PDB file of N, CA and C in Angstrom:
ATOM      1  N   UNK A   1      51.321  49.437 214.619  1.00  0.00           N
ATOM      2  CA  UNK A   1      51.141  49.550 216.067  1.00  0.00           C
ATOM      3  C   UNK A   1      51.247  48.264 216.637  1.00  0.00           C
ATOM      4  N   UNK A   2      51.948  47.787 217.396  1.00  0.00           N
ATOM      5  CA  UNK A   2      51.434  46.134 217.900  1.00  0.00           C
ATOM      6  C   UNK A   2      50.887  46.312 219.835  1.00  0.00           C
ATOM      7  N   UNK A   3      50.712  45.203 220.164  1.00  0.00           N
ATOM      8  CA  UNK A   3      50.264  45.498 221.315  1.00  0.00           C
ATOM      9  C   UNK A   3      51.402  45.125 222.113  1.00  0.00           C
ATOM     10  N   UNK A   4      51.302  45.290 223.486  1.00  0.00           N
ATOM     11  CA  UNK A   4      52.572  45.087 224.296  1.00  0.00           C
ATOM     12  C   UNK A   4      52.008  44.557 225.785  1.00  0.00           C
ATOM     13  N   UNK A   5      52.527  43.780 226.121  1.00  0.00           N
ATOM     14  CA  UNK A   5      52.292  43.121 227.541  1.00  0.00           C
ATOM     15  C   UNK A   5      53.140  43.787 228.525  1.00  0.00           C
ATOM     16  N   UNK A   6      52.298  44.226 229.647  1.00  0.00           N
ATOM     17  CA  UNK A   6      53.329  44.971 230.609  1.00  0.00           C
ATOM     18  C   UNK A   6      53.288  44.674 231.811  1.00  0.00           C
ATOM     19  N   UNK A   7      53.668  45.257 232.878  1.00  0.00           N
ATOM     20  CA  UNK A   7      53.906  44.979 234.272  1.00  0.00           C
ATOM     21  C   UNK A   7      53.010  44.071 235.159  1.00  0.00           C
ATOM     22  N   UNK A   8      51.595  44.193 234.773  1.00  0.00           N
ATOM     23  CA  UNK A   8      50.578  43.269 235.277  1.00  0.00           C
ATOM     24  C   UNK A   8      50.777  41.716 235.379  1.00  0.00           C
ATOM     25  N   UNK A   9      51.476  41.623 234.283  1.00  0.00           N
ATOM     26  CA  UNK A   9      51.612  40.071 233.852  1.00  0.00           C
ATOM     27  C   UNK A   9      53.023  39.487 234.115  1.00  0.00           C
ATOM     28  N   UNK A  10      53.534  39.878 235.007  1.00  0.00           N
ATOM     29  CA  UNK A  10      54.670  39.634 235.732  1.00  0.00           C
ATOM     30  C   UNK A  10      54.105  38.736 236.698  1.00  0.00           C
ATOM     31  N   UNK A  11      54.775  37.559 237.216  1.00  0.00           N
ATOM     32  CA  UNK A  11      54.388  36.408 238.080  1.00  0.00           C
ATOM     33  C   UNK A  11      53.135  35.774 237.783  1.00  0.00           C
ATOM     34  N   UNK A  12      52.472  36.360 236.778  1.00  0.00           N
ATOM     35  CA  UNK A  12      50.956  35.899 236.803  1.00  0.00           C
ATOM     36  C   UNK A  12      51.181  34.996 235.511  1.00  0.00           C
ATOM     37  N   UNK A  13      51.380  35.334 234.274  1.00  0.00           N
ATOM     38  CA  UNK A  13      51.594  34.468 232.976  1.00  0.00           C
ATOM     39  C   UNK A  13      50.187  33.739 232.601  1.00  0.00           C
ATOM     40  N   UNK A  14      49.038  34.163 233.016  1.00  0.00           N
ATOM     41  CA  UNK A  14      47.953  33.573 232.634  1.00  0.00           C
ATOM     42  C   UNK A  14      47.867  33.431 231.112  1.00  0.00           C
ATOM     43  N   UNK A  15      47.318  32.328 230.476  1.00  0.00           N
ATOM     44  CA  UNK A  15      47.713  32.148 228.979  1.00  0.00           C
ATOM     45  C   UNK A  15      46.396  32.221 228.190  1.00  0.00           C
ATOM     46  N   UNK A  16      45.210  33.067 228.979  1.00  0.00           N
ATOM     47  CA  UNK A  16      44.310  33.039 227.859  1.00  0.00           C
ATOM     48  C   UNK A  16      44.570  33.939 226.428  1.00  0.00           C
ATOM     49  N   UNK A  17      45.299  34.634 226.851  1.00  0.00           N
ATOM     50  CA  UNK A  17      45.763  35.671 225.666  1.00  0.00           C
ATOM     51  C   UNK A  17      46.355  34.770 224.590  1.00  0.00           C
ATOM     52  N   UNK A  18      47.075  33.726 224.859  1.00  0.00           N
ATOM     53  CA  UNK A  18      47.618  32.669 223.978  1.00  0.00           C
ATOM     54  C   UNK A  18      46.716  32.052 222.957  1.00  0.00           C
ATOM     55  N   UNK A  19      45.483  31.710 223.808  1.00  0.00           N
ATOM     56  CA  UNK A  19      44.438  31.066 223.045  1.00  0.00           C
ATOM     57  C   UNK A  19      43.764  31.976 221.980  1.00  0.00           C
ATOM     58  N   UNK A  20      43.277  33.120 222.451  1.00  0.00           N
ATOM     59  CA  UNK A  20      42.969  34.343 221.794  1.00  0.00           C
ATOM     60  C   UNK A  20      43.595  34.620 220.547  1.00  0.00           C
ATOM     61  N   UNK A  21      44.774  34.615 220.665  1.00  0.00           N
ATOM     62  CA  UNK A  21      45.662  35.389 219.136  1.00  0.00           C
ATOM     63  C   UNK A  21      45.462  34.352 218.154  1.00  0.00           C
ATOM     64  N   UNK A  22      45.234  35.058 216.949  1.00  0.00           N
ATOM     65  CA  UNK A  22      44.862  34.341 216.081  1.00  0.00           C
ATOM     66  C   UNK A  22      46.146  33.958 215.034  1.00  0.00           C
ATOM     67  N   UNK A  23      47.111  34.624 215.540  1.00  0.00           N
ATOM     68  CA  UNK A  23      48.558  34.347 214.774  1.00  0.00           C
ATOM     69  C   UNK A  23      49.575  33.954 215.391  1.00  0.00           C
ATOM     70  N   UNK A  24      49.501  33.743 216.767  1.00  0.00           N
ATOM     71  CA  UNK A  24      50.304  33.011 217.406  1.00  0.00           C
ATOM     72  C   UNK A  24      51.582  33.759 217.786  1.00  0.00           C
ATOM     73  N   UNK A  25      51.118  35.105 218.249  1.00  0.00           N
ATOM     74  CA  UNK A  25      52.539  35.961 218.579  1.00  0.00           C
ATOM     75  C   UNK A  25      52.670  36.113 219.951  1.00  0.00           C
ATOM     76  N   UNK A  26      51.995  35.437 220.716  1.00  0.00           N
ATOM     77  CA  UNK A  26      52.259  35.649 222.070  1.00  0.00           C
ATOM     78  C   UNK A  26      53.195  34.576 222.795  1.00  0.00           C
ATOM     79  N   UNK A  27      54.293  34.572 223.313  1.00  0.00           N
ATOM     80  CA  UNK A  27      54.889  33.261 223.929  1.00  0.00           C
ATOM     81  C   UNK A  27      55.447  33.694 224.974  1.00  0.00           C
ATOM     82  N   UNK A  28      56.023  32.673 226.104  1.00  0.00           N
ATOM     83  CA  UNK A  28      56.338  31.515 225.447  1.00  0.00           C
ATOM     84  C   UNK A  28      54.780  30.812 225.889  1.00  0.00           C
ATOM     85  N   UNK A  29      54.715  29.580 225.154  1.00  0.00           N
ATOM     86  CA  UNK A  29      53.575  28.692 225.488  1.00  0.00           C
ATOM     87  C   UNK A  29      53.909  27.870 226.847  1.00  0.00           C
ATOM     88  N   UNK A  30      53.039  27.111 227.429  1.00  0.00           N
ATOM     89  CA  UNK A  30      53.010  26.560 228.537  1.00  0.00           C
ATOM     90  C   UNK A  30      54.233  25.095 227.988  1.00  0.00           C
ATOM     91  N   UNK A  31      54.155  24.902 226.872  1.00  0.00           N
ATOM     92  CA  UNK A  31      54.863  23.667 226.389  1.00  0.00           C
ATOM     93  C   UNK A  31      56.117  24.007 225.849  1.00  0.00           C
ATOM     94  N   UNK A  32      56.617  25.214 225.899  1.00  0.00           N
ATOM     95  CA  UNK A  32      57.985  25.666 225.486  1.00  0.00           C
ATOM     96  C   UNK A  32      59.096  25.683 226.662  1.00  0.00           C
ATOM     97  N   UNK A  33      60.093  25.300 226.415  1.00  0.00           N
ATOM     98  CA  UNK A  33      61.181  25.248 227.645  1.00  0.00           C
ATOM     99  C   UNK A  33      61.673  26.440 228.352  1.00  0.00           C
ATOM    100  N   UNK A  34      61.207  27.568 227.785  1.00  0.00           N
ATOM    101  CA  UNK A  34      61.503  28.681 228.841  1.00  0.00           C
ATOM    102  C   UNK A  34      60.278  29.301 229.684  1.00  0.00           C
ATOM    103  N   UNK A  35      58.958  28.535 229.424  1.00  0.00           N
ATOM    104  CA  UNK A  35      57.940  28.964 230.241  1.00  0.00           C
ATOM    105  C   UNK A  35      58.150  29.443 231.538  1.00  0.00           C
ATOM    106  N   UNK A  36      58.570  28.084 232.322  1.00  0.00           N
ATOM    107  CA  UNK A  36      58.971  28.439 233.738  1.00  0.00           C
ATOM    108  C   UNK A  36      59.968  29.141 234.231  1.00  0.00           C
ATOM    109  N   UNK A  37      60.535  29.693 233.302  1.00  0.00           N
ATOM    110  CA  UNK A  37      61.802  30.623 233.571  1.00  0.00           C
ATOM    111  C   UNK A  37      61.584  31.887 233.450  1.00  0.00           C
ATOM    112  N   UNK A  38      60.653  32.281 232.470  1.00  0.00           N
ATOM    113  CA  UNK A  38      60.591  33.806 232.147  1.00  0.00           C
ATOM    114  C   UNK A  38      59.405  34.083 233.440  1.00  0.00           C
ATOM    115  N   UNK A  39      59.267  35.588 233.500  1.00  0.00           N
ATOM    116  CA  UNK A  39      58.371  35.983 234.579  1.00  0.00           C
ATOM    117  C   UNK A  39      57.159  36.362 233.997  1.00  0.00           C
ATOM    118  N   UNK A  40      57.063  36.589 232.732  1.00  0.00           N
ATOM    119  CA  UNK A  40      55.652  37.235 231.875  1.00  0.00           C
ATOM    120  C   UNK A  40      55.542  36.699 230.633  1.00  0.00           C
ATOM    121  N   UNK A  41      54.635  36.844 229.888  1.00  0.00           N
ATOM    122  CA  UNK A  41      54.463  36.623 228.447  1.00  0.00           C
ATOM    123  C   UNK A  41      54.808  37.819 227.737  1.00  0.00           C
ATOM    124  N   UNK A  42      55.060  37.659 226.462  1.00  0.00           N
ATOM    125  CA  UNK A  42      55.746  38.336 225.439  1.00  0.00           C
ATOM    126  C   UNK A  42      54.716  38.524 223.970  1.00  0.00           C
ATOM    127  N   UNK A  43      54.855  39.823 223.519  1.00  0.00           N
ATOM    128  CA  UNK A  43      53.831  39.780 222.084  1.00  0.00           C
ATOM    129  C   UNK A  43      55.197  40.183 221.486  1.00  0.00           C
ATOM    130  N   UNK A  44      55.344  39.451 220.067  1.00  0.00           N
ATOM    131  CA  UNK A  44      56.206  39.694 219.193  1.00  0.00           C
ATOM    132  C   UNK A  44      55.643  40.808 218.137  1.00  0.00           C
ATOM    133  N   UNK A  45      56.392  42.127 218.194  1.00  0.00           N
ATOM    134  CA  UNK A  45      55.730  43.041 217.413  1.00  0.00           C
ATOM    135  C   UNK A  45      55.806  42.688 216.056  1.00  0.00           C
ATOM    136  N   UNK A  46      56.534  41.844 215.758  1.00  0.00           N
ATOM    137  CA  UNK A  46      56.688  41.788 214.014  1.00  0.00           C
ATOM    138  C   UNK A  46      55.620  40.908 213.435  1.00  0.00           C
ATOM    139  N   UNK A  47      54.957  40.116 214.226  1.00  0.00           N
ATOM    140  CA  UNK A  47      54.081  39.151 213.904  1.00  0.00           C
ATOM    141  C   UNK A  47      52.559  39.678 214.454  1.00  0.00           C
ATOM    142  N   UNK A  48      52.373  40.479 215.248  1.00  0.00           N
ATOM    143  CA  UNK A  48      51.080  41.017 216.034  1.00  0.00           C
ATOM    144  C   UNK A  48      50.699  41.645 214.803  1.00  0.00           C
ATOM    145  N   UNK A  49      48.951  41.453 214.457  1.00  0.00           N
ATOM    146  CA  UNK A  49      48.235  41.976 213.603  1.00  0.00           C
ATOM    147  C   UNK A  49      47.299  43.084 214.098  1.00  0.00           C
ATOM    148  N   UNK A  50      47.408  43.457 215.216  1.00  0.00           N
ATOM    149  CA  UNK A  50      46.726  44.617 216.074  1.00  0.00           C
ATOM    150  C   UNK A  50      45.285  44.434 215.924  1.00  0.00           C
ATOM    151  N   UNK A  51      45.058  42.911 216.311  1.00  0.00           N
ATOM    152  CA  UNK A  51      43.445  42.667 216.272  1.00  0.00           C
ATOM    153  C   UNK A  51      42.860  43.045 217.663  1.00  0.00           C
ATOM    154  N   UNK A  52      43.705  42.628 218.738  1.00  0.00           N
ATOM    155  CA  UNK A  52      43.241  43.038 220.093  1.00  0.00           C
ATOM    156  C   UNK A  52      42.473  42.162 220.611  1.00  0.00           C
ATOM    157  N   UNK A  53      42.380  40.952 219.968  1.00  0.00           N
ATOM    158  CA  UNK A  53      41.674  39.705 220.527  1.00  0.00           C
ATOM    159  C   UNK A  53      42.126  39.360 221.878  1.00  0.00           C
ATOM    160  N   UNK A  54      43.551  39.511 222.250  1.00  0.00           N
ATOM    161  CA  UNK A  54      43.979  39.371 223.619  1.00  0.00           C
ATOM    162  C   UNK A  54      43.628  40.502 224.571  1.00  0.00           C
ATOM    163  N   UNK A  55      42.966  41.315 224.252  1.00  0.00           N
ATOM    164  CA  UNK A  55      43.123  42.215 225.202  1.00  0.00           C
ATOM    165  C   UNK A  55      41.837  42.027 226.285  1.00  0.00           C
ATOM    166  N   UNK A  56      40.426  41.766 225.800  1.00  0.00           N
ATOM    167  CA  UNK A  56      39.796  41.267 226.683  1.00  0.00           C
ATOM    168  C   UNK A  56      39.769  40.098 227.556  1.00  0.00           C
ATOM    169  N   UNK A  57      40.459  39.343 227.086  1.00  0.00           N
ATOM    170  CA  UNK A  57      40.762  37.955 228.055  1.00  0.00           C
ATOM    171  C   UNK A  57      41.874  38.166 229.177  1.00  0.00           C
ATOM    172  N   UNK A  58      42.531  39.276 228.915  1.00  0.00           N
ATOM    173  CA  UNK A  58      43.575  39.131 229.867  1.00  0.00           C
ATOM    174  C   UNK A  58      43.040  39.506 231.472  1.00  0.00           C
ATOM    175  N   UNK A  59      43.116  38.829 232.413  1.00  0.00           N
ATOM    176  CA  UNK A  59      42.592  38.705 233.803  1.00  0.00           C
ATOM    177  C   UNK A  59      43.052  39.796 234.454  1.00  0.00           C
ATOM    178  N   UNK A  60      44.344  40.316 234.406  1.00  0.00           N
ATOM    179  CA  UNK A  60      45.029  41.550 234.850  1.00  0.00           C
ATOM    180  C   UNK A  60      45.389  42.593 234.175  1.00  0.00           C
ATOM    181  N   UNK A  61      44.642  42.829 232.924  1.00  0.00           N
ATOM    182  CA  UNK A  61      44.829  43.918 232.174  1.00  0.00           C
ATOM    183  C   UNK A  61      45.998  44.419 231.965  1.00  0.00           C
ATOM    184  N   UNK A  62      46.730  43.535 231.273  1.00  0.00           N
ATOM    185  CA  UNK A  62      48.328  43.813 231.214  1.00  0.00           C
ATOM    186  C   UNK A  62      48.671  44.181 229.772  1.00  0.00           C
ATOM    187  N   UNK A  63      47.740  43.987 228.764  1.00  0.00           N
ATOM    188  CA  UNK A  63      48.059  43.991 227.318  1.00  0.00           C
ATOM    189  C   UNK A  63      47.372  45.620 226.892  1.00  0.00           C
ATOM    190  N   UNK A  64      48.174  46.272 226.474  1.00  0.00           N
ATOM    191  CA  UNK A  64      47.762  47.438 226.062  1.00  0.00           C
ATOM    192  C   UNK A  64      48.353  47.722 224.163  1.00  0.00           C
ATOM    193  N   UNK A  65      47.430  48.574 223.646  1.00  0.00           N
ATOM    194  CA  UNK A  65      47.993  49.139 222.409  1.00  0.00           C
ATOM    195  C   UNK A  65      49.191  49.742 222.477  1.00  0.00           C
ATOM    196  N   UNK A  66      50.007  49.582 221.693  1.00  0.00           N
ATOM    197  CA  UNK A  66      51.451  50.210 222.129  1.00  0.00           C
ATOM    198  C   UNK A  66      51.198  51.872 222.230  1.00  0.00           C
ATOM    199  N   UNK A  67      50.388  52.542 221.562  1.00  0.00           N
ATOM    200  CA  UNK A  67      50.206  54.081 221.753  1.00  0.00           C
ATOM    201  C   UNK A  67      49.400  54.241 222.956  1.00  0.00           C
ATOM    202  N   UNK A  68      48.784  53.043 223.779  1.00  0.00           N
ATOM    203  CA  UNK A  68      47.950  53.602 224.824  1.00  0.00           C
ATOM    204  C   UNK A  68      48.622  52.972 226.179  1.00  0.00           C
ATOM    205  N   UNK A  69      49.856  52.294 225.699  1.00  0.00           N
ATOM    206  CA  UNK A  69      50.445  52.137 227.078  1.00  0.00           C
ATOM    207  C   UNK A  69      50.800  53.235 228.083  1.00  0.00           C
ATOM    208  N   UNK A  70      50.455  53.172 229.226  1.00  0.00           N
ATOM    209  CA  UNK A  70      50.598  54.196 230.341  1.00  0.00           C
ATOM    210  C   UNK A  70      52.292  54.155 230.535  1.00  0.00           C
ATOM    211  N   UNK A  71      52.509  55.716 230.472  1.00  0.00           N
ATOM    212  CA  UNK A  71      53.861  56.242 230.511  1.00  0.00           C
ATOM    213  C   UNK A  71      54.807  55.376 231.188  1.00  0.00           C
ATOM    214  N   UNK A  72      54.437  55.067 232.588  1.00  0.00           N
ATOM    215  CA  UNK A  72      55.166  54.460 233.590  1.00  0.00           C
ATOM    216  C   UNK A  72      55.608  52.942 232.927  1.00  0.00           C
ATOM    217  N   UNK A  73      55.280  52.165 232.126  1.00  0.00           N
ATOM    218  CA  UNK A  73      55.509  50.969 231.487  1.00  0.00           C
ATOM    219  C   UNK A  73      56.001  51.206 230.078  1.00  0.00           C
ATOM    220  N   UNK A  74      56.077  52.580 229.636  1.00  0.00           N
ATOM    221  CA  UNK A  74      56.759  52.549 228.358  1.00  0.00           C
ATOM    222  C   UNK A  74      58.040  51.251 227.875  1.00  0.00           C
ATOM    223  N   UNK A  75      58.644  51.273 228.879  1.00  0.00           N
ATOM    224  CA  UNK A  75      59.773  50.341 228.740  1.00  0.00           C
ATOM    225  C   UNK A  75      59.568  48.851 228.191  1.00  0.00           C
ATOM    226  N   UNK A  76      58.534  48.605 228.428  1.00  0.00           N
ATOM    227  CA  UNK A  76      57.678  47.063 228.184  1.00  0.00           C
ATOM    228  C   UNK A  76      57.758  47.118 226.675  1.00  0.00           C
ATOM    229  N   UNK A  77      57.826  48.366 225.813  1.00  0.00           N
ATOM    230  CA  UNK A  77      57.755  48.002 224.354  1.00  0.00           C
ATOM    231  C   UNK A  77      59.046  47.508 224.250  1.00  0.00           C
ATOM    232  N   UNK A  78      60.174  47.726 224.611  1.00  0.00           N
ATOM    233  CA  UNK A  78      61.397  47.233 224.391  1.00  0.00           C
ATOM    234  C   UNK A  78      61.620  45.907 225.042  1.00  0.00           C
ATOM    235  N   UNK A  79      61.116  45.548 226.132  1.00  0.00           N
ATOM    236  CA  UNK A  79      61.096  44.307 226.860  1.00  0.00           C
ATOM    237  C   UNK A  79      60.323  43.394 226.021  1.00  0.00           C
ATOM    238  N   UNK A  80      59.326  43.579 225.441  1.00  0.00           N
ATOM    239  CA  UNK A  80      58.806  42.665 224.436  1.00  0.00           C
ATOM    240  C   UNK A  80      59.462  42.197 223.151  1.00  0.00           C
ATOM    241  N   UNK A  81      59.957  43.585 222.651  1.00  0.00           N
ATOM    242  CA  UNK A  81      60.869  43.372 221.295  1.00  0.00           C
ATOM    243  C   UNK A  81      62.174  42.473 221.673  1.00  0.00           C
ATOM    244  N   UNK A  82      62.739  42.955 222.909  1.00  0.00           N
ATOM    245  CA  UNK A  82      63.958  42.017 223.156  1.00  0.00           C
ATOM    246  C   UNK A  82      63.982  40.688 223.362  1.00  0.00           C
ATOM    247  N   UNK A  83      62.879  40.014 223.886  1.00  0.00           N
ATOM    248  CA  UNK A  83      62.579  38.957 224.116  1.00  0.00           C
ATOM    249  C   UNK A  83      62.775  38.034 222.804  1.00  0.00           C
ATOM    250  N   UNK A  84      62.233  38.725 221.530  1.00  0.00           N
ATOM    251  CA  UNK A  84      62.225  37.918 220.235  1.00  0.00           C
ATOM    252  C   UNK A  84      63.617  38.134 219.541  1.00  0.00           C
ATOM    253  N   UNK A  85      64.326  38.782 220.167  1.00  0.00           N
ATOM    254  CA  UNK A  85      65.757  38.922 219.372  1.00  0.00           C
ATOM    255  C   UNK A  85      66.808  37.700 220.043  1.00  0.00           C
ATOM    256  N   UNK A  86      66.341  36.794 220.636  1.00  0.00           N
ATOM    257  CA  UNK A  86      67.143  35.910 221.277  1.00  0.00           C
ATOM    258  C   UNK A  86      67.691  35.169 219.919  1.00  0.00           C
TER     259      UNK A  86
END
């Protein structure tokens, strides 16, 4: 089970979660070319180690364990996964 970034991150992109992640699975970073063009941050489910370090630092409470993601945001599982298939 990975963690998922959901709707509250859209147009916020607070990077506190990037700094908290011990395995660098959240992107894009501010220094990456697509940072200013995407509307939210994404967690790579293949790299996420399920530590949850990103959850308490998210100021908009956008990060959920996949199994705890509110039903209305289930599609963000696919959204996060698709970002890394580029």
